Structures are given as structure tokens and as C-alpha cells.
Amino acid sequence: MRHLLALSITMALSASAHADTLIYAGTFIDGTSSAPQKNMTIIVDGTTIKAIERGFTKPQTNDVVIDRRNGTVMPGFIDMHTHLTSQLGPGSYMHKFTKSAADVTLDAVHYAEKTLMAGFTTVRELGDAYDASIALRKAINEGKVVGPRIYTAGKSLATTGGHADPTNGAKADLYAPPTPADGVLNGPYEARQAVRARYQDGADLIKLTVTGGVLSVAKSGHNPQFMMDELEAIVTTARDYDMKVAVHAHGKEGMLRAIAAGVDSVEHGTYMDDEVMAAMIANNVYYVPTITAGRSVADRAKTEGFFPDLVRPKAAAIGPQIQHTFAQAYKAGVKIAFGTDAGVFDHGENYREFIYMVEAGMPPLEAIRSATAAAADLLGDTSIGTLVVGKRADIVAVDGNPLDDINRLSQVNLVMKDGTIYKQ
């Protein structure tokens, strides 16, 4: 009897001590509606959204109130194209000779925290070194370091000499010839092996470079670099492991091959035309534009010595094109998910993509939805991307209304991930 009485008292004390977090939103963007709502309360219980109520709900004794009546509350942003293990700067092309796995991993911890503090509670990491993003994902999930929720591809896949071949620009005697385990493949059998190696590493998805790239030390920035049999082998093998496939692509032919093979998203898409856009719409393929990366490399190409001689003309030519392509794809009705290629520019400046999307003709609310509901749809994660009862409490806020001034998204002043407040 004494034990039952003690249990009853403990349960009563626990119940009385329980506290919810109430967030008052002057303007409320849930990620699903066609217009924002005014004067709402979001009630967070633990890691999830317990209720959403009209007006400003009176708190109970132990509740915590976060007052954003003069601001806008939104779902945590999702960046679908990041590289948390690096950041482009003067001398970056020497880092593969000078930075160890430990250096890269510690850099990634720093960049991950900057990304979260900018309001990006989830990222899709599309190409790392040393599997550092896989280790980072684990450390974040275990609460050892602070950062966004990570979906990672691990090492990007390339063909020999392709955009993601890590030996490009290096003397042959400095590296052993890379293998599918290193992310470099030739032919359908090695393609399958490379996908399985990423699964073995612990990757969540597959990223491959189906065309040349801007920053690789190679002549072409847009030539196709995978054959159809290789692409089909990658996609069918990835499906066996329930992995989605994202493709870096600048040139038309590489995009058409990738779309025909059944990929899930095209990154950059610089030289897509009406034919490519029609194929993407017909095959339900998302476009992840990365305008910020294009603008950044074009600006840096003006600085003598910033890029190697092979890279500089590609950066000057391809970079400025991406924003124009985005405008055309948006008008055509291509599905768009927000992605920046952070790491090509400084981490924590991911918000710039919103500004460039709006400049190119996308309404601010649609730009925000591209980084919330649309991005979650491409990820295949139904627990995030919208502020709905029962979903994860990933919530951000800014002062004022970003629908009136999209630049306000550069000043996120509330960041909550899984119900934990990281910035207020």
C-alpha cells in the first residue's frame, strides 16, 4: 500500500511539473496553406507539435511562452544541397593534400552549427570526404554536437576523370587509382558496386555527377560523363536499398540520360531547355537550383588567382546562367526544391537562395514552401516540412513579415529542432 501511495504521489508531481512550450505567432506560415494565418499559437510537447490554436492561448502554470506576436513563425528550413565538410576559399584546391580526415570532420562540426543557427534544421548532404558527414550525422543524432538533421550521400559518384573524381588535378603518383569504393566507377558492374559501397558506409541516398562541373580541375563543365547502362545500374541498385538518387548536371544530354534512367532530382540544371523541363515534369523529377553557388563562383571568377586556370572560365560562364534557368523552370512548372550548394560559398549564408529565387520571379511564400513542404516531399520525410499537429517541432521565426521583405530571412532569431531551442 505504501508503495502504491508513493507511486501516486510521484505521478501527481510529474503531471503538475509537465510543461508545454507555447509559441505565439503574429504571422503563421505552416508550409501547406496558400496564405499565412494571423495570431496563432503553436503548442509543443516534447519533440512534437501537440496543438495549433487560433489566438494566443493562455499558458498553464509551468508552460514556457515564446512571444513572436511581432514576427513570423515558419517550419524549420530544409537545404537540399549542402557540403558541410568543406568551404571554398583561397587555397582550397590544396586542402586535399594538406587536410586530414580529422581536420575535415572538425570543420564540418563548425559548419553544421552555423547552418542550424541560420534556421536550417535539416539538410541533404550531397558529397563529402572521409565519410565525415556520416560520422557528423551520428554525432548530431546522439546529441554530442549541434547541427541540423542530416540526410547524406557520403562520397559522390563519378566516372574516371569526372567531376567528383578526387584525383583530378593531382600527379598520378600521389594517389592510387580510385575504385568504386572511392566513388569512381566505370561500367554497370562497378556502378552497382559503388552504390553498395555507399550503403555499406551508411549513406542515406546516392549522389552522382552526370556531367562535368564548374569547380573540378577538368576542361568541360557540361559534357555527359555517364553512359545509360551505368545510370540504369545505379538507379536500379539504389532502389533495392530504398535510396533516392540526386544528380549534379549542367549539360542537356547528361540531364536527359539521368531523367530517362529514373533519378529523383537534378541539381544545378544550368543548360536545361524546354525539352529537359518537359521530361522533368513528365517524370516527376525535382529541380534543385543552387543559384547562390552560381552567383558566388561567378563573382569569385573575377578575382585573379582564386581559381585554377581550367576552372576560372567555367565559373565565369556557368555561374551567371543558373538564375536565368531557374526563372524559366519556374515559369514552366517544374517542381522545385530549395538547395544552395553551401560550401561553394560560406556556410550560414544559405538564406541568400531565398533572395535570388524571389529576384527571379518566385513569390516569397512559394520560395519558403520550396524549403519546407517541397523539400520534405523530395526527401520522403513526412515528419518535417510543415507545421501540423503530430509532426516534429522544427520551427523558426523572424521579426516582421518575410512576405513583405524576403531579406528578413537572413535574420532568423528563433531556431527549434525536435522541440529543443537552439537559438532565441
Protein backbone atom coordinates (compact mmCIF):
# COMPACT_ATOMS: atom_id res chain seq x y z
CA MET A 1 0.00 0.00 0.00
CA ARG A 2 2.86 2.36 0.91
CA HIS A 3 4.47 1.68 -2.49
CA LEU A 4 1.19 2.47 -4.30
CA LEU A 5 0.83 5.75 -2.37
CA ALA A 6 4.41 6.75 -3.25
CA LEU A 7 3.78 5.92 -6.91
CA SER A 8 0.60 8.01 -6.90
CA ILE A 9 2.41 10.99 -5.38
CA THR A 10 5.25 10.67 -7.93
CA MET A 11 2.80 10.54 -10.82
CA ALA A 12 0.91 13.56 -9.49
CA LEU A 13 4.11 15.57 -9.11
CA SER A 14 5.22 14.61 -12.62
CA ALA A 15 1.88 15.68 -14.05
CA SER A 16 1.95 19.03 -12.26
CA ALA A 17 5.56 19.66 -13.34
CA HIS A 18 4.90 18.92 -17.02
CA ALA A 19 5.33 21.99 -19.21
CA ASP A 20 4.49 22.70 -22.81
CA THR A 21 6.13 25.35 -24.94
CA LEU A 22 3.71 27.89 -26.41
CA ILE A 23 4.86 29.89 -29.42
CA TYR A 24 2.79 32.97 -30.22
CA ALA A 25 2.90 33.77 -33.93
CA GLY A 26 1.72 37.14 -35.22
CA THR A 27 2.09 35.70 -38.72
CA PHE A 28 1.97 31.91 -39.13
CA ILE A 29 3.23 30.08 -42.23
CA ASP A 30 2.54 26.35 -41.94
CA GLY A 31 4.16 25.25 -45.21
CA THR A 32 0.92 23.95 -46.70
CA SER A 33 -1.52 26.84 -46.93
CA SER A 34 -1.74 29.25 -49.85
CA ALA A 35 -1.73 32.21 -47.46
CA PRO A 36 -0.34 32.90 -43.99
CA GLN A 37 -2.57 32.99 -40.92
CA LYS A 38 -2.62 35.66 -38.24
CA ASN A 39 -2.39 35.38 -34.45
CA MET A 40 -1.84 31.69 -33.84
CA THR A 41 -0.39 29.61 -31.00
CA ILE A 42 1.75 26.53 -31.58
CA ILE A 43 1.87 24.20 -28.60
CA VAL A 44 4.94 21.97 -28.43
CA ASP A 45 5.03 18.91 -26.18
CA GLY A 46 8.48 17.35 -26.06
CA THR A 47 9.69 16.82 -29.61
CA THR A 48 6.36 17.21 -31.40
CA ILE A 49 3.63 19.72 -32.17
CA LYS A 50 0.80 18.99 -29.77
CA ALA A 51 -1.73 21.58 -30.95
CA ILE A 52 -2.16 24.65 -33.12
CA GLU A 53 -4.79 27.11 -31.91
CA ARG A 54 -6.22 30.41 -33.09
CA GLY A 55 -5.43 33.38 -30.93
CA PHE A 56 -2.88 33.48 -28.14
CA THR A 57 -3.58 30.59 -25.78
CA LYS A 58 -3.26 31.31 -22.06
CA PRO A 59 -0.35 29.30 -20.63
CA GLN A 60 -0.66 26.88 -17.74
CA THR A 61 1.47 27.39 -14.63
CA ASN A 62 4.65 25.70 -15.89
CA ASP A 63 4.35 26.43 -19.60
CA VAL A 64 7.08 28.31 -21.43
CA VAL A 65 5.94 31.12 -23.73
CA ILE A 66 7.93 32.30 -26.76
CA ASP A 67 6.38 35.56 -27.92
CA ARG A 68 6.66 36.23 -31.65
CA ARG A 69 3.48 38.33 -31.96
CA ASN A 70 5.51 40.87 -33.92
CA GLY A 71 7.12 38.27 -36.12
CA THR A 72 6.58 35.33 -38.46
CA VAL A 73 6.81 31.68 -37.42
CA MET A 74 7.56 29.00 -40.03
CA PRO A 75 8.66 25.38 -40.36
CA GLY A 76 12.39 24.80 -39.98
CA PHE A 77 14.07 25.28 -43.35
CA ILE A 78 15.50 22.39 -45.37
CA ASP A 79 18.53 22.87 -47.63
CA MET A 80 18.58 20.06 -50.18
CA HIS A 81 22.16 20.61 -51.37
CA THR A 82 24.98 21.20 -48.90
CA HIS A 83 28.62 20.23 -48.46
CA LEU A 84 29.24 20.55 -44.74
CA THR A 85 32.75 19.06 -44.90
CA SER A 86 34.28 21.92 -46.91
CA GLN A 87 34.13 25.63 -47.66
CA LEU A 88 35.59 27.23 -50.77
CA GLY A 89 38.21 29.89 -50.20
CA PRO A 90 41.68 30.94 -51.32
CA GLY A 91 43.90 27.88 -51.25
CA SER A 92 41.00 25.38 -51.16
CA TYR A 93 42.44 23.36 -54.01
CA MET A 94 45.41 22.42 -51.81
CA HIS A 95 43.23 21.09 -48.99
CA LYS A 96 43.12 17.55 -50.38
CA PHE A 97 46.90 17.49 -49.87
CA THR A 98 47.01 19.29 -46.52
CA LYS A 99 43.83 18.47 -44.57
CA SER A 100 43.44 15.18 -42.71
CA ALA A 101 40.19 13.34 -42.01
CA ALA A 102 40.26 14.86 -38.51
CA ASP A 103 40.62 18.38 -39.94
CA VAL A 104 37.71 17.86 -42.32
CA THR A 105 35.47 16.41 -39.61
CA LEU A 106 36.14 19.24 -37.16
CA ASP A 107 35.47 21.78 -39.90
CA ALA A 108 32.15 20.03 -40.56
CA VAL A 109 31.13 20.34 -36.89
CA HIS A 110 31.67 24.10 -37.10
CA TYR A 111 29.81 24.46 -40.40
CA ALA A 112 26.91 22.33 -39.16
CA GLU A 113 26.30 24.61 -36.19
CA LYS A 114 26.40 27.71 -38.40
CA THR A 115 23.84 26.10 -40.71
CA LEU A 116 21.44 25.29 -37.88
CA MET A 117 21.73 28.78 -36.43
CA ALA A 118 20.74 30.18 -39.83
CA GLY A 119 17.41 28.35 -39.47
CA PHE A 120 18.13 25.21 -41.48
CA THR A 121 17.02 22.35 -39.27
CA THR A 122 17.51 19.67 -41.96
CA VAL A 123 20.00 19.35 -44.81
CA ARG A 124 20.69 16.91 -47.61
CA GLU A 125 24.46 16.48 -47.77
CA LEU A 126 25.50 15.78 -51.37
CA GLY A 127 29.12 14.78 -51.32
CA ASP A 128 31.71 14.67 -48.56
CA ALA A 129 35.23 13.44 -47.86
CA TYR A 130 36.31 10.67 -45.50
CA ASP A 131 32.64 9.84 -44.74
CA ALA A 132 32.80 12.79 -42.35
CA SER A 133 29.14 13.70 -42.87
CA ILE A 134 28.10 10.18 -41.88
CA ALA A 135 30.03 10.50 -38.63
CA LEU A 136 28.62 14.01 -38.16
CA ARG A 137 25.05 12.77 -38.66
CA LYS A 138 25.60 10.17 -35.93
CA ALA A 139 27.15 12.68 -33.52
CA ILE A 140 24.26 15.13 -34.02
CA ASN A 141 21.66 12.39 -33.56
CA GLU A 142 23.37 11.32 -30.34
CA GLY A 143 23.43 14.90 -29.03
CA LYS A 144 27.22 15.14 -28.96
CA VAL A 145 27.42 18.15 -31.28
CA VAL A 146 24.95 20.75 -32.52
CA GLY A 147 23.72 20.75 -36.09
CA PRO A 148 20.84 20.11 -38.45
CA ARG A 149 19.24 16.76 -39.16
CA ILE A 150 21.37 15.24 -41.94
CA TYR A 151 20.49 13.06 -44.89
CA THR A 152 23.80 12.25 -46.53
CA ALA A 153 25.04 10.69 -49.76
CA GLY A 154 28.53 10.18 -48.38
CA LYS A 155 31.02 10.25 -51.26
CA SER A 156 29.64 11.44 -54.61
CA LEU A 157 29.95 9.02 -57.52
CA ALA A 158 31.90 9.83 -60.68
CA THR A 159 33.45 8.17 -63.69
CA THR A 160 37.22 8.33 -64.21
CA GLY A 161 38.19 11.96 -64.64
CA GLY A 162 34.64 13.04 -63.85
CA HIS A 163 33.54 15.95 -61.71
CA ALA A 164 33.74 14.01 -58.42
CA ASP A 165 36.95 12.09 -59.18
CA PRO A 166 39.16 13.15 -56.23
CA THR A 167 42.38 12.55 -58.19
CA ASN A 168 41.68 15.26 -60.79
CA GLY A 169 44.46 17.82 -60.90
CA ALA A 170 46.93 15.65 -58.96
CA LYS A 171 50.07 13.87 -60.12
CA ALA A 172 49.40 10.22 -60.90
CA ASP A 173 51.97 9.01 -58.36
CA LEU A 174 50.26 10.86 -55.48
CA TYR A 175 47.16 8.62 -55.47
CA ALA A 176 46.39 5.02 -56.17
CA PRO A 177 43.81 4.68 -58.97
CA PRO A 178 40.40 5.24 -57.31
CA THR A 179 37.92 2.38 -57.14
CA PRO A 180 34.13 2.11 -56.78
CA ALA A 181 34.70 2.09 -53.01
CA ASP A 182 36.28 5.54 -53.51
CA GLY A 183 33.28 6.66 -55.56
CA VAL A 184 34.86 6.31 -59.02
CA LEU A 185 33.36 3.75 -61.39
CA ASN A 186 33.33 2.60 -65.00
CA GLY A 187 30.65 0.30 -66.37
CA PRO A 188 27.43 -1.11 -64.89
CA TYR A 189 29.09 -3.71 -62.65
CA GLU A 190 31.25 -1.12 -60.94
CA ALA A 191 28.20 1.16 -60.78
CA ARG A 192 26.38 -1.42 -58.68
CA GLN A 193 29.47 -1.92 -56.54
CA ALA A 194 29.74 1.84 -55.90
CA VAL A 195 26.10 2.08 -54.75
CA ARG A 196 26.53 -0.89 -52.44
CA ALA A 197 29.70 0.65 -51.03
CA ARG A 198 27.74 3.80 -50.14
CA TYR A 199 25.09 1.64 -48.47
CA GLN A 200 27.84 -0.15 -46.57
CA ASP A 201 29.26 3.22 -45.47
CA GLY A 202 25.86 4.21 -44.09
CA ALA A 203 24.74 6.75 -46.69
CA ASP A 204 21.05 7.66 -46.96
CA LEU A 205 20.97 8.37 -50.69
CA ILE A 206 23.11 8.43 -53.83
CA LYS A 207 24.66 11.48 -55.49
CA LEU A 208 26.40 11.27 -58.84
CA THR A 209 27.93 13.78 -61.22
CA VAL A 210 26.38 13.02 -64.61
CA THR A 211 28.11 15.95 -66.35
CA GLY A 212 31.26 17.96 -65.95
CA GLY A 213 31.35 20.57 -63.21
CA VAL A 214 32.44 24.11 -62.59
CA LEU A 215 34.96 23.55 -59.82
CA SER A 216 36.65 20.33 -60.93
CA VAL A 217 40.08 20.64 -62.49
CA ALA A 218 38.93 19.44 -65.90
CA LYS A 219 38.19 21.17 -69.18
CA SER A 220 34.44 20.69 -69.66
CA GLY A 221 31.78 21.94 -67.29
CA HIS A 222 28.83 20.32 -69.03
CA ASN A 223 29.77 17.22 -71.05
CA PRO A 224 27.92 13.95 -70.24
CA GLN A 225 30.06 11.68 -68.07
CA PHE A 226 27.91 8.55 -67.52
CA MET A 227 26.57 6.11 -70.11
CA MET A 228 22.98 4.89 -69.95
CA ASP A 229 23.90 1.39 -68.78
CA GLU A 230 25.84 2.90 -65.87
CA LEU A 231 23.00 5.23 -64.92
CA GLU A 232 20.41 2.46 -65.08
CA ALA A 233 22.59 0.21 -62.95
CA ILE A 234 22.97 2.95 -60.33
CA VAL A 235 19.27 3.77 -60.14
CA THR A 236 18.01 0.18 -60.06
CA THR A 237 20.57 -0.78 -57.42
CA ALA A 238 19.75 2.30 -55.33
CA ARG A 239 16.07 1.34 -55.40
CA ASP A 240 16.95 -2.08 -53.96
CA TYR A 241 18.31 -0.24 -50.92
CA ASP A 242 15.46 2.29 -50.75
CA MET A 243 17.84 5.10 -51.67
CA LYS A 244 16.94 8.13 -53.77
CA VAL A 245 19.28 9.43 -56.46
CA ALA A 246 20.34 13.06 -56.94
CA VAL A 247 22.42 14.11 -59.94
CA HIS A 248 24.75 17.04 -60.43
CA ALA A 249 24.19 18.20 -64.02
CA HIS A 250 24.90 21.28 -66.10
CA GLY A 251 24.61 19.98 -69.68
CA LYS A 252 21.45 18.94 -71.52
CA GLU A 253 22.47 15.46 -72.67
CA GLY A 254 23.54 14.37 -69.19
CA MET A 255 20.24 15.57 -67.75
CA LEU A 256 18.16 13.75 -70.36
CA ARG A 257 20.03 10.49 -69.74
CA ALA A 258 19.62 10.82 -65.97
CA ILE A 259 15.90 11.60 -66.22
CA ALA A 260 15.38 8.62 -68.52
CA ALA A 261 17.20 6.40 -66.02
CA GLY A 262 14.74 7.42 -63.27
CA VAL A 263 16.62 9.79 -60.94
CA ASP A 264 14.79 11.82 -58.30
CA SER A 265 16.38 15.26 -58.63
CA VAL A 266 18.56 17.34 -60.91
CA GLU A 267 20.97 19.71 -59.15
CA HIS A 268 22.07 22.99 -60.84
CA GLY A 269 20.49 22.19 -64.24
CA THR A 270 22.26 25.13 -65.82
CA TYR A 271 21.68 24.44 -69.50
CA MET A 272 18.29 22.76 -69.29
CA ASP A 273 15.93 23.74 -72.09
CA ASP A 274 12.25 23.18 -72.88
CA GLU A 275 12.88 19.53 -73.75
CA VAL A 276 14.60 18.87 -70.43
CA MET A 277 11.92 20.73 -68.49
CA ALA A 278 9.17 18.75 -70.19
CA ALA A 279 10.98 15.49 -69.38
CA MET A 280 11.35 16.52 -65.72
CA ILE A 281 7.64 17.35 -65.45
CA ALA A 282 6.61 14.12 -67.19
CA ASN A 283 8.83 12.02 -64.90
CA ASN A 284 8.10 13.90 -61.65
CA VAL A 285 11.75 14.91 -61.23
CA TYR A 286 12.59 17.76 -58.87
CA TYR A 287 14.88 20.64 -59.75
CA VAL A 288 17.29 21.89 -57.03
CA PRO A 289 18.67 25.13 -58.48
CA THR A 290 21.62 26.27 -56.28
CA ILE A 291 21.52 29.84 -57.57
CA THR A 292 23.69 31.04 -54.70
CA ALA A 293 26.55 28.80 -55.76
CA GLY A 294 26.31 30.06 -59.33
CA ARG A 295 26.31 33.69 -58.27
CA SER A 296 29.20 33.10 -55.87
CA VAL A 297 31.55 31.37 -58.31
CA ALA A 298 30.82 33.98 -60.97
CA ASP A 299 31.82 36.74 -58.54
CA ARG A 300 34.95 34.90 -57.42
CA ALA A 301 36.00 34.23 -61.00
CA LYS A 302 36.68 37.98 -61.25
CA THR A 303 39.48 37.65 -58.68
CA GLU A 304 42.76 36.72 -60.31
CA GLY A 305 44.23 33.55 -58.82
CA PHE A 306 41.17 32.47 -56.83
CA PHE A 307 40.50 29.54 -59.20
CA PRO A 308 42.90 27.38 -61.22
CA ASP A 309 43.18 28.35 -64.88
CA LEU A 310 40.94 25.47 -66.01
CA VAL A 311 38.21 26.42 -63.56
CA ARG A 312 38.03 30.20 -63.96
CA PRO A 313 36.38 30.37 -67.44
CA LYS A 314 33.81 27.74 -66.41
CA ALA A 315 32.91 29.70 -63.28
CA ALA A 316 32.56 32.90 -65.30
CA ALA A 317 30.33 31.27 -67.94
CA ILE A 318 28.16 28.81 -66.00
CA GLY A 319 27.62 30.71 -62.76
CA PRO A 320 25.55 33.62 -64.11
CA GLN A 321 23.30 31.28 -66.12
CA ILE A 322 21.73 29.39 -63.20
CA GLN A 323 19.40 32.17 -62.01
CA HIS A 324 18.05 32.63 -65.56
CA THR A 325 17.48 28.88 -65.88
CA PHE A 326 15.64 28.88 -62.56
CA ALA A 327 13.30 31.61 -63.79
CA GLN A 328 12.48 29.61 -66.92
CA ALA A 329 11.97 26.36 -64.99
CA TYR A 330 9.65 28.05 -62.51
CA LYS A 331 7.53 29.51 -65.31
CA ALA A 332 7.38 26.09 -66.99
CA GLY A 333 6.02 24.42 -63.85
CA VAL A 334 9.00 22.23 -62.95
CA LYS A 335 8.86 21.03 -59.33
CA ILE A 336 11.43 22.99 -57.33
CA ALA A 337 13.06 22.16 -54.00
CA PHE A 338 15.32 24.63 -52.23
CA GLY A 339 19.04 23.92 -52.37
CA THR A 340 22.09 26.13 -52.22
CA ASP A 341 25.34 24.14 -52.66
CA ALA A 342 26.55 25.66 -49.39
CA GLY A 343 30.27 25.09 -49.08
CA VAL A 344 30.81 26.58 -52.51
CA PHE A 345 30.00 29.79 -50.63
CA ASP A 346 30.20 30.40 -46.87
CA HIS A 347 28.06 28.21 -44.62
CA GLY A 348 25.39 30.09 -42.73
CA GLU A 349 24.54 32.25 -45.77
CA ASN A 350 22.02 29.71 -47.12
CA TYR A 351 19.28 32.37 -46.84
CA ARG A 352 20.69 34.05 -49.98
CA GLU A 353 18.92 31.45 -52.10
CA PHE A 354 15.53 32.82 -50.99
CA ILE A 355 16.52 36.30 -52.15
CA TYR A 356 17.73 35.11 -55.55
CA MET A 357 14.62 32.96 -56.10
CA VAL A 358 12.37 35.93 -55.43
CA GLU A 359 14.53 38.13 -57.69
CA ALA A 360 13.93 35.59 -60.46
CA GLY A 361 10.15 35.74 -60.13
CA MET A 362 9.11 33.20 -57.50
CA PRO A 363 6.69 34.66 -54.90
CA PRO A 364 8.13 34.74 -51.37
CA LEU A 365 5.60 32.24 -49.98
CA GLU A 366 6.45 29.74 -52.72
CA ALA A 367 10.16 30.21 -52.05
CA ILE A 368 9.54 29.38 -48.39
CA ARG A 369 7.44 26.35 -49.33
CA SER A 370 10.27 25.14 -51.60
CA ALA A 371 12.44 24.98 -48.46
CA THR A 372 9.77 23.33 -46.33
CA ALA A 373 6.95 21.19 -47.75
CA ALA A 374 8.51 20.66 -51.19
CA ALA A 375 11.93 19.77 -49.79
CA ALA A 376 10.38 17.31 -47.33
CA ASP A 377 8.48 15.71 -50.21
CA LEU A 378 11.70 15.19 -52.17
CA LEU A 379 13.39 13.79 -49.07
CA GLY A 380 10.46 11.44 -48.48
CA ASP A 381 10.28 12.50 -44.82
CA THR A 382 6.67 13.15 -43.83
CA SER A 383 7.61 14.14 -40.26
CA ILE A 384 9.09 17.53 -41.23
CA GLY A 385 8.50 20.43 -43.61
CA THR A 386 5.12 21.62 -42.31
CA LEU A 387 3.72 22.85 -39.01
CA VAL A 388 0.98 20.29 -38.44
CA VAL A 389 -0.18 18.57 -35.26
CA GLY A 390 1.82 15.39 -34.67
CA LYS A 391 4.87 16.43 -36.71
CA ARG A 392 8.34 17.19 -35.41
CA ALA A 393 8.68 20.55 -33.71
CA ASP A 394 11.15 22.07 -36.20
CA ILE A 395 10.30 25.76 -36.01
CA VAL A 396 11.98 29.03 -36.96
CA ALA A 397 10.96 32.68 -36.67
CA VAL A 398 11.97 36.13 -37.84
CA ASP A 399 10.88 39.64 -36.92
CA GLY A 400 8.33 41.22 -39.23
CA ASN A 401 6.95 39.51 -42.33
CA PRO A 402 9.28 37.96 -44.95
CA LEU A 403 6.43 38.01 -47.47
CA ASP A 404 6.84 41.80 -47.46
CA ASP A 405 10.64 41.68 -47.41
CA ILE A 406 12.34 38.37 -48.18
CA ASN A 407 15.62 39.74 -46.78
CA ARG A 408 14.18 39.21 -43.29
CA LEU A 409 15.05 35.52 -43.66
CA SER A 410 18.69 36.50 -43.22
CA GLN A 411 17.92 37.30 -39.57
CA VAL A 412 16.37 34.15 -38.10
CA ASN A 413 16.05 34.72 -34.34
CA LEU A 414 14.33 31.52 -33.20
CA VAL A 415 15.54 28.03 -34.05
CA MET A 416 13.87 24.96 -32.59
CA LYS A 417 14.67 21.43 -33.74
CA ASP A 418 12.79 18.46 -32.35
CA GLY A 419 11.35 20.71 -29.64
CA THR A 420 14.77 21.86 -28.40
CA ILE A 421 15.55 25.56 -28.63
CA TYR A 422 18.99 26.25 -30.11
CA LYS A 423 18.59 29.97 -30.78
CA GLN A 424 16.32 32.56 -29.23
